[in-house]
Amino acid sequence: MRAGEPERRVLVGDEPLVIGRSPSSGLMLAANEVSRTHCRIDAASGQLTVTDLESTNGTFVDGRRIAAETGLQPGAVLQVGPYRMVYVAEDLLVDAQVTLRSGDQASNITPLRPASRRGAR
């Protein structure tokens, strides 16, 4: 994304969310530092995990490069190239939702929020 682009929302449900530069990614991030298929976010049992998909520049959680599947705790910062995402937990029993704000600078923040599901108990 570049400055001026509208905010986007992507649901993370039963299917993994692949983040990458490829147009076929569930969340496409158009920056040279982002690999075509950079990382994957999975939601299972109310927990989000991220896995690096052998990206060139690495995937970082809270400033540390990950080498294996890593759990995202509320408040965790996920960095993919120049993009930063913050996991904001509201209700871990529902699907996670990703909101990406415009811009491609490392200071921009992308909250990962659970989406509300009516009737969920």
PDB file of N, CA and C in Angstrom:
ATOM      1  N   MET A   1       0.838  -1.179   0.000  1.00  0.00           N
ATOM      2  CA  MET A   1       0.000   0.000   0.000  1.00  0.00           C
ATOM      3  C   MET A   1       0.876   1.233   0.000  1.00  0.00           C
ATOM      4  N   ARG A   2       0.376   2.238  -0.588  1.00  0.00           N
ATOM      5  CA  ARG A   2       1.062   3.532  -0.612  1.00  0.00           C
ATOM      6  C   ARG A   2       0.191   4.570   0.075  1.00  0.00           C
ATOM      7  N   ALA A   3       0.777   5.661   0.477  1.00  0.00           N
ATOM      8  CA  ALA A   3       0.029   6.727   1.143  1.00  0.00           C
ATOM      9  C   ALA A   3      -1.156   7.127   0.284  1.00  0.00           C
ATOM     10  N   GLY A   4      -2.291   7.340   0.925  1.00  0.00           N
ATOM     11  CA  GLY A   4      -3.492   7.741   0.207  1.00  0.00           C
ATOM     12  C   GLY A   4      -4.416   6.595  -0.159  1.00  0.00           C
ATOM     13  N   GLU A   5      -3.954   5.360  -0.030  1.00  0.00           N
ATOM     14  CA  GLU A   5      -4.823   4.215  -0.329  1.00  0.00           C
ATOM     15  C   GLU A   5      -5.818   4.030   0.801  1.00  0.00           C
ATOM     16  N   PRO A   6      -7.012   3.514   0.482  1.00  0.00           N
ATOM     17  CA  PRO A   6      -8.013   3.324   1.537  1.00  0.00           C
ATOM     18  C   PRO A   6      -7.659   2.161   2.460  1.00  0.00           C
ATOM     19  N   GLU A   7      -8.200   2.207   3.666  1.00  0.00           N
ATOM     20  CA  GLU A   7      -8.028   1.131   4.635  1.00  0.00           C
ATOM     21  C   GLU A   7      -8.670  -0.136   4.098  1.00  0.00           C
ATOM     22  N   ARG A   8      -8.044  -1.284   4.366  1.00  0.00           N
ATOM     23  CA  ARG A   8      -8.586  -2.577   3.924  1.00  0.00           C
ATOM     24  C   ARG A   8      -8.812  -3.467   5.131  1.00  0.00           C
ATOM     25  N   ARG A   9      -9.798  -4.377   5.028  1.00  0.00           N
ATOM     26  CA  ARG A   9     -10.063  -5.353   6.086  1.00  0.00           C
ATOM     27  C   ARG A   9     -10.108  -6.742   5.456  1.00  0.00           C
ATOM     28  N   VAL A  10      -9.443  -7.690   6.132  1.00  0.00           N
ATOM     29  CA  VAL A  10      -9.387  -9.070   5.661  1.00  0.00           C
ATOM     30  C   VAL A  10      -9.678  -9.984   6.840  1.00  0.00           C
ATOM     31  N   LEU A  11     -10.580 -10.940   6.685  1.00  0.00           N
ATOM     32  CA  LEU A  11     -10.899 -11.875   7.764  1.00  0.00           C
ATOM     33  C   LEU A  11      -9.935 -13.049   7.782  1.00  0.00           C
ATOM     34  N   VAL A  12      -9.537 -13.454   8.971  1.00  0.00           N
ATOM     35  CA  VAL A  12      -8.757 -14.669   9.157  1.00  0.00           C
ATOM     36  C   VAL A  12      -9.695 -15.658   9.831  1.00  0.00           C
ATOM     37  N   GLY A  13     -10.114 -16.671   9.093  1.00  0.00           N
ATOM     38  CA  GLY A  13     -11.046 -17.651   9.633  1.00  0.00           C
ATOM     39  C   GLY A  13     -10.434 -19.030   9.595  1.00  0.00           C
ATOM     40  N   ASP A  14     -11.180 -19.971   9.061  1.00  0.00           N
ATOM     41  CA  ASP A  14     -10.690 -21.345   8.975  1.00  0.00           C
ATOM     42  C   ASP A  14      -9.524 -21.482   8.004  1.00  0.00           C
ATOM     43  N   GLU A  15      -9.517 -20.645   6.978  1.00  0.00           N
ATOM     44  CA  GLU A  15      -8.432 -20.687   5.992  1.00  0.00           C
ATOM     45  C   GLU A  15      -7.305 -19.753   6.435  1.00  0.00           C
ATOM     46  N   PRO A  16      -6.056 -20.159   6.253  1.00  0.00           N
ATOM     47  CA  PRO A  16      -4.929 -19.290   6.611  1.00  0.00           C
ATOM     48  C   PRO A  16      -4.922 -18.020   5.753  1.00  0.00           C
ATOM     49  N   LEU A  17      -4.371 -16.951   6.293  1.00  0.00           N
ATOM     50  CA  LEU A  17      -4.198 -15.703   5.561  1.00  0.00           C
ATOM     51  C   LEU A  17      -2.732 -15.611   5.149  1.00  0.00           C
ATOM     52  N   VAL A  18      -2.478 -15.647   3.840  1.00  0.00           N
ATOM     53  CA  VAL A  18      -1.120 -15.493   3.329  1.00  0.00           C
ATOM     54  C   VAL A  18      -0.897 -14.017   3.042  1.00  0.00           C
ATOM     55  N   ILE A  19       0.213 -13.503   3.558  1.00  0.00           N
ATOM     56  CA  ILE A  19       0.602 -12.114   3.335  1.00  0.00           C
ATOM     57  C   ILE A  19       1.799 -12.122   2.406  1.00  0.00           C
ATOM     58  N   GLY A  20       1.740 -11.311   1.364  1.00  0.00           N
ATOM     59  CA  GLY A  20       2.853 -11.255   0.430  1.00  0.00           C
ATOM     60  C   GLY A  20       2.660 -10.212  -0.648  1.00  0.00           C
ATOM     61  N   ARG A  21       3.605 -10.141  -1.546  1.00  0.00           N
ATOM     62  CA  ARG A  21       3.590  -9.188  -2.648  1.00  0.00           C
ATOM     63  C   ARG A  21       2.766  -9.684  -3.825  1.00  0.00           C
ATOM     64  N   SER A  22       2.518 -10.978  -3.889  1.00  0.00           N
ATOM     65  CA  SER A  22       1.769 -11.570  -4.991  1.00  0.00           C
ATOM     66  C   SER A  22       0.307 -11.132  -4.956  1.00  0.00           C
ATOM     67  N   PRO A  23      -0.267 -10.810  -6.114  1.00  0.00           N
ATOM     68  CA  PRO A  23      -1.686 -10.453  -6.159  1.00  0.00           C
ATOM     69  C   PRO A  23      -2.601 -11.570  -5.665  1.00  0.00           C
ATOM     70  N   SER A  24      -2.129 -12.807  -5.644  1.00  0.00           N
ATOM     71  CA  SER A  24      -2.953 -13.922  -5.160  1.00  0.00           C
ATOM     72  C   SER A  24      -2.930 -14.051  -3.636  1.00  0.00           C
ATOM     73  N   SER A  25      -2.145 -13.221  -2.956  1.00  0.00           N
ATOM     74  CA  SER A  25      -2.084 -13.253  -1.490  1.00  0.00           C
ATOM     75  C   SER A  25      -3.403 -12.767  -0.911  1.00  0.00           C
ATOM     76  N   GLY A  26      -3.780 -13.304   0.243  1.00  0.00           N
ATOM     77  CA  GLY A  26      -4.973 -12.829   0.924  1.00  0.00           C
ATOM     78  C   GLY A  26      -4.827 -11.385   1.362  1.00  0.00           C
ATOM     79  N   LEU A  27      -3.607 -10.975   1.705  1.00  0.00           N
ATOM     80  CA  LEU A  27      -3.283  -9.593   2.040  1.00  0.00           C
ATOM     81  C   LEU A  27      -2.036  -9.223   1.253  1.00  0.00           C
ATOM     82  N   MET A  28      -2.226  -8.461   0.174  1.00  0.00           N
ATOM     83  CA  MET A  28      -1.117  -8.073  -0.688  1.00  0.00           C
ATOM     84  C   MET A  28      -0.490  -6.783  -0.169  1.00  0.00           C
ATOM     85  N   LEU A  29       0.832  -6.816   0.028  1.00  0.00           N
ATOM     86  CA  LEU A  29       1.595  -5.648   0.454  1.00  0.00           C
ATOM     87  C   LEU A  29       2.596  -5.333  -0.646  1.00  0.00           C
ATOM     88  N   ALA A  30       2.388  -4.243  -1.332  1.00  0.00           N
ATOM     89  CA  ALA A  30       3.187  -3.901  -2.506  1.00  0.00           C
ATOM     90  C   ALA A  30       4.440  -3.124  -2.119  1.00  0.00           C
ATOM     91  N   ALA A  31       5.434  -3.846  -1.629  1.00  0.00           N
ATOM     92  CA  ALA A  31       6.736  -3.246  -1.313  1.00  0.00           C
ATOM     93  C   ALA A  31       7.810  -4.245  -1.718  1.00  0.00           C
ATOM     94  N   ASN A  32       8.918  -3.761  -2.231  1.00  0.00           N
ATOM     95  CA  ASN A  32       9.992  -4.648  -2.673  1.00  0.00           C
ATOM     96  C   ASN A  32      10.559  -5.512  -1.558  1.00  0.00           C
ATOM     97  N   GLU A  33      10.468  -5.059  -0.306  1.00  0.00           N
ATOM     98  CA  GLU A  33      10.999  -5.816   0.826  1.00  0.00           C
ATOM     99  C   GLU A  33      10.101  -6.982   1.228  1.00  0.00           C
ATOM    100  N   VAL A  34       8.922  -7.066   0.637  1.00  0.00           N
ATOM    101  CA  VAL A  34       7.964  -8.132   0.933  1.00  0.00           C
ATOM    102  C   VAL A  34       8.099  -9.213  -0.131  1.00  0.00           C
ATOM    103  N   SER A  35       8.274 -10.471   0.299  1.00  0.00           N
ATOM    104  CA  SER A  35       8.370 -11.591  -0.647  1.00  0.00           C
ATOM    105  C   SER A  35       7.002 -11.878  -1.256  1.00  0.00           C
ATOM    106  N   ARG A  36       6.999 -12.601  -2.363  1.00  0.00           N
ATOM    107  CA  ARG A  36       5.724 -12.922  -3.027  1.00  0.00           C
ATOM    108  C   ARG A  36       4.771 -13.640  -2.082  1.00  0.00           C
ATOM    109  N   THR A  37       5.246 -14.631  -1.378  1.00  0.00           N
ATOM    110  CA  THR A  37       4.493 -15.278  -0.297  1.00  0.00           C
ATOM    111  C   THR A  37       5.377 -15.164   0.934  1.00  0.00           C
ATOM    112  N   HIS A  38       5.143 -14.152   1.736  1.00  0.00           N
ATOM    113  CA  HIS A  38       6.046 -13.771   2.818  1.00  0.00           C
ATOM    114  C   HIS A  38       5.796 -14.557   4.106  1.00  0.00           C
ATOM    115  N   CYS A  39       4.543 -14.541   4.577  1.00  0.00           N
ATOM    116  CA  CYS A  39       4.201 -15.245   5.810  1.00  0.00           C
ATOM    117  C   CYS A  39       2.733 -15.637   5.793  1.00  0.00           C
ATOM    118  N   ARG A  40       2.349 -16.416   6.805  1.00  0.00           N
ATOM    119  CA  ARG A  40       0.968 -16.907   6.894  1.00  0.00           C
ATOM    120  C   ARG A  40       0.480 -16.721   8.326  1.00  0.00           C
ATOM    121  N   ILE A  41      -0.764 -16.243   8.459  1.00  0.00           N
ATOM    122  CA  ILE A  41      -1.407 -16.130   9.765  1.00  0.00           C
ATOM    123  C   ILE A  41      -2.513 -17.163   9.831  1.00  0.00           C
ATOM    124  N   ASP A  42      -2.519 -17.934  10.923  1.00  0.00           N
ATOM    125  CA  ASP A  42      -3.547 -18.939  11.163  1.00  0.00           C
ATOM    126  C   ASP A  42      -4.277 -18.589  12.448  1.00  0.00           C
ATOM    127  N   ALA A  43      -5.572 -18.883  12.482  1.00  0.00           N
ATOM    128  CA  ALA A  43      -6.369 -18.703  13.699  1.00  0.00           C
ATOM    129  C   ALA A  43      -6.953 -20.058  14.061  1.00  0.00           C
ATOM    130  N   ALA A  44      -6.628 -20.536  15.252  1.00  0.00           N
ATOM    131  CA  ALA A  44      -7.153 -21.817  15.730  1.00  0.00           C
ATOM    132  C   ALA A  44      -7.324 -21.740  17.233  1.00  0.00           C
ATOM    133  N   SER A  45      -8.457 -22.193  17.710  1.00  0.00           N
ATOM    134  CA  SER A  45      -8.731 -22.232  19.152  1.00  0.00           C
ATOM    135  C   SER A  45      -8.525 -20.872  19.822  1.00  0.00           C
ATOM    136  N   GLY A  46      -8.925 -19.797  19.121  1.00  0.00           N
ATOM    137  CA  GLY A  46      -8.806 -18.473  19.703  1.00  0.00           C
ATOM    138  C   GLY A  46      -7.408 -17.914  19.748  1.00  0.00           C
ATOM    139  N   GLN A  47      -6.456 -18.528  19.054  1.00  0.00           N
ATOM    140  CA  GLN A  47      -5.058 -18.091  19.057  1.00  0.00           C
ATOM    141  C   GLN A  47      -4.610 -17.798  17.635  1.00  0.00           C
ATOM    142  N   LEU A  48      -3.944 -16.673  17.436  1.00  0.00           N
ATOM    143  CA  LEU A  48      -3.338 -16.368  16.140  1.00  0.00           C
ATOM    144  C   LEU A  48      -1.885 -16.803  16.167  1.00  0.00           C
ATOM    145  N   THR A  49      -1.441 -17.422  15.073  1.00  0.00           N
ATOM    146  CA  THR A  49      -0.029 -17.767  14.919  1.00  0.00           C
ATOM    147  C   THR A  49       0.433 -17.238  13.573  1.00  0.00           C
ATOM    148  N   VAL A  50       1.720 -16.951  13.482  1.00  0.00           N
ATOM    149  CA  VAL A  50       2.318 -16.498  12.232  1.00  0.00           C
ATOM    150  C   VAL A  50       3.491 -17.404  11.908  1.00  0.00           C
ATOM    151  N   THR A  51       3.633 -17.724  10.627  1.00  0.00           N
ATOM    152  CA  THR A  51       4.731 -18.564  10.146  1.00  0.00           C
ATOM    153  C   THR A  51       5.392 -17.864   8.969  1.00  0.00           C
ATOM    154  N   ASP A  52       6.712 -17.705   9.017  1.00  0.00           N
ATOM    155  CA  ASP A  52       7.456 -17.154   7.890  1.00  0.00           C
ATOM    156  C   ASP A  52       7.515 -18.210   6.796  1.00  0.00           C
ATOM    157  N   LEU A  53       7.284 -17.813   5.558  1.00  0.00           N
ATOM    158  CA  LEU A  53       7.280 -18.753   4.434  1.00  0.00           C
ATOM    159  C   LEU A  53       8.572 -18.649   3.626  1.00  0.00           C
ATOM    160  N   GLU A  54       9.693 -18.709   4.347  1.00  0.00           N
ATOM    161  CA  GLU A  54      11.022 -18.619   3.743  1.00  0.00           C
ATOM    162  C   GLU A  54      11.202 -17.326   2.967  1.00  0.00           C
ATOM    163  N   SER A  55      10.729 -16.235   3.562  1.00  0.00           N
ATOM    164  CA  SER A  55      10.856 -14.928   2.922  1.00  0.00           C
ATOM    165  C   SER A  55      12.325 -14.494   2.900  1.00  0.00           C
ATOM    166  N   THR A  56      12.648 -13.628   1.966  1.00  0.00           N
ATOM    167  CA  THR A  56      14.017 -13.140   1.835  1.00  0.00           C
ATOM    168  C   THR A  56      14.422 -12.263   3.015  1.00  0.00           C
ATOM    169  N   ASN A  57      13.540 -11.351   3.422  1.00  0.00           N
ATOM    170  CA  ASN A  57      13.888 -10.374   4.460  1.00  0.00           C
ATOM    171  C   ASN A  57      13.363 -10.718   5.841  1.00  0.00           C
ATOM    172  N   GLY A  58      12.678 -11.844   5.970  1.00  0.00           N
ATOM    173  CA  GLY A  58      12.228 -12.298   7.284  1.00  0.00           C
ATOM    174  C   GLY A  58      10.931 -11.666   7.749  1.00  0.00           C
ATOM    175  N   THR A  59      10.327 -12.337   8.725  1.00  0.00           N
ATOM    176  CA  THR A  59       9.118 -11.877   9.400  1.00  0.00           C
ATOM    177  C   THR A  59       9.507 -11.661  10.853  1.00  0.00           C
ATOM    178  N   PHE A  60       9.049 -10.562  11.446  1.00  0.00           N
ATOM    179  CA  PHE A  60       9.450 -10.196  12.794  1.00  0.00           C
ATOM    180  C   PHE A  60       8.234 -10.064  13.702  1.00  0.00           C
ATOM    181  N   VAL A  61       8.356 -10.592  14.913  1.00  0.00           N
ATOM    182  CA  VAL A  61       7.337 -10.425  15.951  1.00  0.00           C
ATOM    183  C   VAL A  61       8.031  -9.743  17.124  1.00  0.00           C
ATOM    184  N   ASP A  62       7.513  -8.596  17.488  1.00  0.00           N
ATOM    185  CA  ASP A  62       8.095  -7.800  18.575  1.00  0.00           C
ATOM    186  C   ASP A  62       9.596  -7.563  18.368  1.00  0.00           C
ATOM    187  N   GLY A  63       9.973  -7.281  17.133  1.00  0.00           N
ATOM    188  CA  GLY A  63      11.356  -6.937  16.813  1.00  0.00           C
ATOM    189  C   GLY A  63      12.305  -8.109  16.640  1.00  0.00           C
ATOM    190  N   ARG A  64      11.806  -9.346  16.821  1.00  0.00           N
ATOM    191  CA  ARG A  64      12.670 -10.533  16.678  1.00  0.00           C
ATOM    192  C   ARG A  64      12.268 -11.328  15.437  1.00  0.00           C
ATOM    193  N   ARG A  65      13.258 -11.684  14.651  1.00  0.00           N
ATOM    194  CA  ARG A  65      13.008 -12.493  13.464  1.00  0.00           C
ATOM    195  C   ARG A  65      12.558 -13.878  13.896  1.00  0.00           C
ATOM    196  N   ILE A  66      11.469 -14.372  13.311  1.00  0.00           N
ATOM    197  CA  ILE A  66      10.970 -15.693  13.687  1.00  0.00           C
ATOM    198  C   ILE A  66      11.526 -16.761  12.754  1.00  0.00           C
ATOM    199  N   ALA A  67      11.739 -17.953  13.303  1.00  0.00           N
ATOM    200  CA  ALA A  67      12.263 -19.072  12.521  1.00  0.00           C
ATOM    201  C   ALA A  67      11.255 -20.213  12.447  1.00  0.00           C
ATOM    202  N   ALA A  68      10.220 -20.159  13.277  1.00  0.00           N
ATOM    203  CA  ALA A  68       9.208 -21.217  13.318  1.00  0.00           C
ATOM    204  C   ALA A  68       7.857 -20.570  13.596  1.00  0.00           C
ATOM    205  N   GLU A  69       6.802 -21.370  13.548  1.00  0.00           N
ATOM    206  CA  GLU A  69       5.468 -20.866  13.867  1.00  0.00           C
ATOM    207  C   GLU A  69       5.514 -20.184  15.235  1.00  0.00           C
ATOM    208  N   THR A  70       4.965 -18.981  15.308  1.00  0.00           N
ATOM    209  CA  THR A  70       5.043 -18.169  16.513  1.00  0.00           C
ATOM    210  C   THR A  70       3.663 -17.644  16.874  1.00  0.00           C
ATOM    211  N   GLY A  71       3.281 -17.801  18.129  1.00  0.00           N
ATOM    212  CA  GLY A  71       1.998 -17.283  18.600  1.00  0.00           C
ATOM    213  C   GLY A  71       2.030 -15.769  18.694  1.00  0.00           C
ATOM    214  N   LEU A  72       0.895 -15.158  18.374  1.00  0.00           N
ATOM    215  CA  LEU A  72       0.761 -13.712  18.510  1.00  0.00           C
ATOM    216  C   LEU A  72      -0.081 -13.444  19.748  1.00  0.00           C
ATOM    217  N   GLN A  73       0.502 -12.797  20.718  1.00  0.00           N
ATOM    218  CA  GLN A  73      -0.195 -12.410  21.933  1.00  0.00           C
ATOM    219  C   GLN A  73      -0.790 -11.024  21.719  1.00  0.00           C
ATOM    220  N   PRO A  74      -1.873 -10.698  22.403  1.00  0.00           N
ATOM    221  CA  PRO A  74      -2.424  -9.348  22.273  1.00  0.00           C
ATOM    222  C   PRO A  74      -1.344  -8.298  22.501  1.00  0.00           C
ATOM    223  N   GLY A  75      -1.296  -7.320  21.611  1.00  0.00           N
ATOM    224  CA  GLY A  75      -0.285  -6.264  21.679  1.00  0.00           C
ATOM    225  C   GLY A  75       0.967  -6.573  20.885  1.00  0.00           C
ATOM    226  N   ALA A  76       1.100  -7.804  20.371  1.00  0.00           N
ATOM    227  CA  ALA A  76       2.291  -8.169  19.597  1.00  0.00           C
ATOM    228  C   ALA A  76       2.354  -7.341  18.313  1.00  0.00           C
ATOM    229  N   VAL A  77       3.582  -6.982  17.920  1.00  0.00           N
ATOM    230  CA  VAL A  77       3.805  -6.236  16.689  1.00  0.00           C
ATOM    231  C   VAL A  77       4.403  -7.187  15.661  1.00  0.00           C
ATOM    232  N   LEU A  78       3.699  -7.359  14.549  1.00  0.00           N
ATOM    233  CA  LEU A  78       4.156  -8.179  13.432  1.00  0.00           C
ATOM    234  C   LEU A  78       4.680  -7.234  12.371  1.00  0.00           C
ATOM    235  N   GLN A  79       5.932  -7.457  11.922  1.00  0.00           N
ATOM    236  CA  GLN A  79       6.500  -6.615  10.876  1.00  0.00           C
ATOM    237  C   GLN A  79       6.833  -7.456   9.659  1.00  0.00           C
ATOM    238  N   VAL A  80       6.321  -7.000   8.517  1.00  0.00           N
ATOM    239  CA  VAL A  80       6.559  -7.625   7.218  1.00  0.00           C
ATOM    240  C   VAL A  80       7.083  -6.523   6.309  1.00  0.00           C
ATOM    241  N   GLY A  81       8.368  -6.580   5.966  1.00  0.00           N
ATOM    242  CA  GLY A  81       8.964  -5.487   5.196  1.00  0.00           C
ATOM    243  C   GLY A  81       8.755  -4.185   5.951  1.00  0.00           C
ATOM    244  N   PRO A  82       8.284  -3.119   5.266  1.00  0.00           N
ATOM    245  CA  PRO A  82       8.084  -1.841   5.936  1.00  0.00           C
ATOM    246  C   PRO A  82       6.736  -1.719   6.648  1.00  0.00           C
ATOM    247  N   TYR A  83       5.938  -2.781   6.664  1.00  0.00           N
ATOM    248  CA  TYR A  83       4.617  -2.744   7.291  1.00  0.00           C
ATOM    249  C   TYR A  83       4.664  -3.289   8.711  1.00  0.00           C
ATOM    250  N   ARG A  84       3.953  -2.609   9.621  1.00  0.00           N
ATOM    251  CA  ARG A  84       3.845  -3.063  11.010  1.00  0.00           C
ATOM    252  C   ARG A  84       2.382  -3.316  11.314  1.00  0.00           C
ATOM    253  N   MET A  85       2.105  -4.415  11.990  1.00  0.00           N
ATOM    254  CA  MET A  85       0.751  -4.791  12.371  1.00  0.00           C
ATOM    255  C   MET A  85       0.720  -5.052  13.860  1.00  0.00           C
ATOM    256  N   VAL A  86      -0.298  -4.557  14.548  1.00  0.00           N
ATOM    257  CA  VAL A  86      -0.433  -4.754  15.984  1.00  0.00           C
ATOM    258  C   VAL A  86      -1.669  -5.608  16.221  1.00  0.00           C
ATOM    259  N   TYR A  87      -1.509  -6.685  16.974  1.00  0.00           N
ATOM    260  CA  TYR A  87      -2.617  -7.581  17.298  1.00  0.00           C
ATOM    261  C   TYR A  87      -3.383  -7.003  18.475  1.00  0.00           C
ATOM    262  N   VAL A  88      -4.632  -6.644  18.220  1.00  0.00           N
ATOM    263  CA  VAL A  88      -5.500  -6.087  19.255  1.00  0.00           C
ATOM    264  C   VAL A  88      -6.590  -7.106  19.528  1.00  0.00           C
ATOM    265  N   ALA A  89      -6.563  -7.737  20.712  1.00  0.00           N
ATOM    266  CA  ALA A  89      -7.532  -8.779  21.055  1.00  0.00           C
ATOM    267  C   ALA A  89      -8.756  -8.151  21.710  1.00  0.00           C
ATOM    268  N   GLU A  90      -9.920  -8.557  21.231  1.00  0.00           N
ATOM    269  CA  GLU A  90     -11.162  -8.127  21.852  1.00  0.00           C
ATOM    270  C   GLU A  90     -11.957  -9.327  22.324  1.00  0.00           C
ATOM    271  N   ASP A  91     -12.107 -10.318  21.463  1.00  0.00           N
ATOM    272  CA  ASP A  91     -12.839 -11.539  21.802  1.00  0.00           C
ATOM    273  C   ASP A  91     -12.189 -12.668  21.027  1.00  0.00           C
ATOM    274  N   LEU A  92     -11.413 -13.496  21.697  1.00  0.00           N
ATOM    275  CA  LEU A  92     -10.625 -14.519  21.006  1.00  0.00           C
ATOM    276  C   LEU A  92     -11.445 -15.713  20.537  1.00  0.00           C
ATOM    277  N   LEU A  93     -12.759 -15.691  20.741  1.00  0.00           N
ATOM    278  CA  LEU A  93     -13.579 -16.819  20.312  1.00  0.00           C
ATOM    279  C   LEU A  93     -14.139 -16.648  18.915  1.00  0.00           C
ATOM    280  N   VAL A  94     -13.789 -15.562  18.243  1.00  0.00           N
ATOM    281  CA  VAL A  94     -14.305 -15.312  16.902  1.00  0.00           C
ATOM    282  C   VAL A  94     -13.149 -15.131  15.937  1.00  0.00           C
ATOM    283  N   ASP A  95     -13.487 -15.075  14.647  1.00  0.00           N
ATOM    284  CA  ASP A  95     -12.468 -14.911  13.621  1.00  0.00           C
ATOM    285  C   ASP A  95     -11.696 -13.618  13.838  1.00  0.00           C
ATOM    286  N   ALA A  96     -10.448 -13.604  13.427  1.00  0.00           N
ATOM    287  CA  ALA A  96      -9.640 -12.391  13.526  1.00  0.00           C
ATOM    288  C   ALA A  96      -9.852 -11.555  12.275  1.00  0.00           C
ATOM    289  N   GLN A  97      -9.762 -10.263  12.432  1.00  0.00           N
ATOM    290  CA  GLN A  97      -9.902  -9.366  11.297  1.00  0.00           C
ATOM    291  C   GLN A  97      -8.671  -8.502  11.210  1.00  0.00           C
ATOM    292  N   VAL A  98      -8.187  -8.287  10.004  1.00  0.00           N
ATOM    293  CA  VAL A  98      -6.993  -7.484   9.790  1.00  0.00           C
ATOM    294  C   VAL A  98      -7.411  -6.158   9.178  1.00  0.00           C
ATOM    295  N   THR A  99      -6.957  -5.057   9.739  1.00  0.00           N
ATOM    296  CA  THR A  99      -7.213  -3.734   9.196  1.00  0.00           C
ATOM    297  C   THR A  99      -5.870  -3.132   8.832  1.00  0.00           C
ATOM    298  N   LEU A 100      -5.691  -2.776   7.569  1.00  0.00           N
ATOM    299  CA  LEU A 100      -4.420  -2.211   7.116  1.00  0.00           C
ATOM    300  C   LEU A 100      -4.623  -0.751   6.782  1.00  0.00           C
ATOM    301  N   ARG A 101      -3.925   0.108   7.486  1.00  0.00           N
ATOM    302  CA  ARG A 101      -4.006   1.532   7.227  1.00  0.00           C
ATOM    303  C   ARG A 101      -3.073   1.906   6.088  1.00  0.00           C
ATOM    304  N   SER A 102      -3.391   2.978   5.421  1.00  0.00           N
ATOM    305  CA  SER A 102      -2.616   3.432   4.264  1.00  0.00           C
ATOM    306  C   SER A 102      -1.175   3.731   4.628  1.00  0.00           C
ATOM    307  N   GLY A 103      -0.303   3.529   3.674  1.00  0.00           N
ATOM    308  CA  GLY A 103       1.102   3.882   3.818  1.00  0.00           C
ATOM    309  C   GLY A 103       1.997   2.672   3.853  1.00  0.00           C
ATOM    310  N   ASP A 104       3.270   2.892   3.645  1.00  0.00           N
ATOM    311  CA  ASP A 104       4.213   1.775   3.642  1.00  0.00           C
ATOM    312  C   ASP A 104       5.419   2.056   4.528  1.00  0.00           C
ATOM    313  N   GLN A 105       5.283   2.977   5.447  1.00  0.00           N
ATOM    314  CA  GLN A 105       6.386   3.269   6.352  1.00  0.00           C
ATOM    315  C   GLN A 105       6.291   2.381   7.582  1.00  0.00           C
ATOM    316  N   ALA A 106       7.405   2.071   8.187  1.00  0.00           N
ATOM    317  CA  ALA A 106       7.425   1.181   9.346  1.00  0.00           C
ATOM    318  C   ALA A 106       6.642   1.743  10.529  1.00  0.00           C
ATOM    319  N   SER A 107       6.377   3.039  10.528  1.00  0.00           N
ATOM    320  CA  SER A 107       5.641   3.619  11.645  1.00  0.00           C
ATOM    321  C   SER A 107       4.130   3.421  11.501  1.00  0.00           C
ATOM    322  N   ASN A 108       3.660   3.009  10.318  1.00  0.00           N
ATOM    323  CA  ASN A 108       2.230   2.775  10.143  1.00  0.00           C
ATOM    324  C   ASN A 108       1.830   1.519  10.879  1.00  0.00           C
ATOM    325  N   ILE A 109       0.633   1.505  11.424  1.00  0.00           N
ATOM    326  CA  ILE A 109       0.188   0.396  12.253  1.00  0.00           C
ATOM    327  C   ILE A 109      -1.007  -0.285  11.635  1.00  0.00           C
ATOM    328  N   THR A 110      -1.005  -1.591  11.679  1.00  0.00           N
ATOM    329  CA  THR A 110      -2.100  -2.398  11.198  1.00  0.00           C
ATOM    330  C   THR A 110      -2.650  -3.197  12.361  1.00  0.00           C
ATOM    331  N   PRO A 111      -3.824  -2.870  12.876  1.00  0.00           N
ATOM    332  CA  PRO A 111      -4.369  -3.677  13.964  1.00  0.00           C
ATOM    333  C   PRO A 111      -4.908  -5.010  13.456  1.00  0.00           C
ATOM    334  N   LEU A 112      -4.709  -6.064  14.201  1.00  0.00           N
ATOM    335  CA  LEU A 112      -5.340  -7.351  13.944  1.00  0.00           C
ATOM    336  C   LEU A 112      -6.423  -7.480  14.998  1.00  0.00           C
ATOM    337  N   ARG A 113      -7.684  -7.418  14.607  1.00  0.00           N
ATOM    338  CA  ARG A 113      -8.795  -7.426  15.557  1.00  0.00           C
ATOM    339  C   ARG A 113      -9.738  -8.572  15.264  1.00  0.00           C
ATOM    340  N   PRO A 114     -10.289  -9.161  16.285  1.00  0.00           N
ATOM    341  CA  PRO A 114     -11.337 -10.155  16.052  1.00  0.00           C
ATOM    342  C   PRO A 114     -12.562  -9.491  15.447  1.00  0.00           C
ATOM    343  N   ALA A 115     -13.176 -10.161  14.481  1.00  0.00           N
ATOM    344  CA  ALA A 115     -14.431  -9.681  13.904  1.00  0.00           C
ATOM    345  C   ALA A 115     -15.573 -10.200  14.760  1.00  0.00           C
ATOM    346  N   SER A 116     -16.629  -9.408  14.899  1.00  0.00           N
ATOM    347  CA  SER A 116     -17.742  -9.883  15.710  1.00  0.00           C
ATOM    348  C   SER A 116     -18.598 -10.855  14.898  1.00  0.00           C
ATOM    349  N   ARG A 117     -19.083 -11.857  15.589  1.00  0.00           N
ATOM    350  CA  ARG A 117     -19.934 -12.853  14.966  1.00  0.00           C
ATOM    351  C   ARG A 117     -21.192 -12.948  15.824  1.00  0.00           C
ATOM    352  N   ARG A 118     -22.336 -12.606  15.251  1.00  0.00           N
ATOM    353  CA  ARG A 118     -23.589 -12.649  16.003  1.00  0.00           C
ATOM    354  C   ARG A 118     -23.938 -14.079  16.355  1.00  0.00           C
ATOM    355  N   GLY A 119     -24.408 -14.260  17.564  1.00  0.00           N
ATOM    356  CA  GLY A 119     -24.829 -15.580  18.011  1.00  0.00           C
ATOM    357  C   GLY A 119     -23.689 -16.453  18.514  1.00  0.00           C
ATOM    358  N   ALA A 120     -22.444 -15.966  18.435  1.00  0.00           N
ATOM    359  CA  ALA A 120     -21.311 -16.772  18.927  1.00  0.00           C
ATOM    360  C   ALA A 120     -21.347 -16.814  20.451  1.00  0.00           C
ATOM    361  N   ARG A 121     -21.058 -17.970  21.010  1.00  0.00           N
ATOM    362  CA  ARG A 121     -21.041 -18.110  22.462  1.00  0.00           C
ATOM    363  C   ARG A 121     -19.709 -18.613  22.928  1.00  0.00           C
TER     364      ARG A 121
END
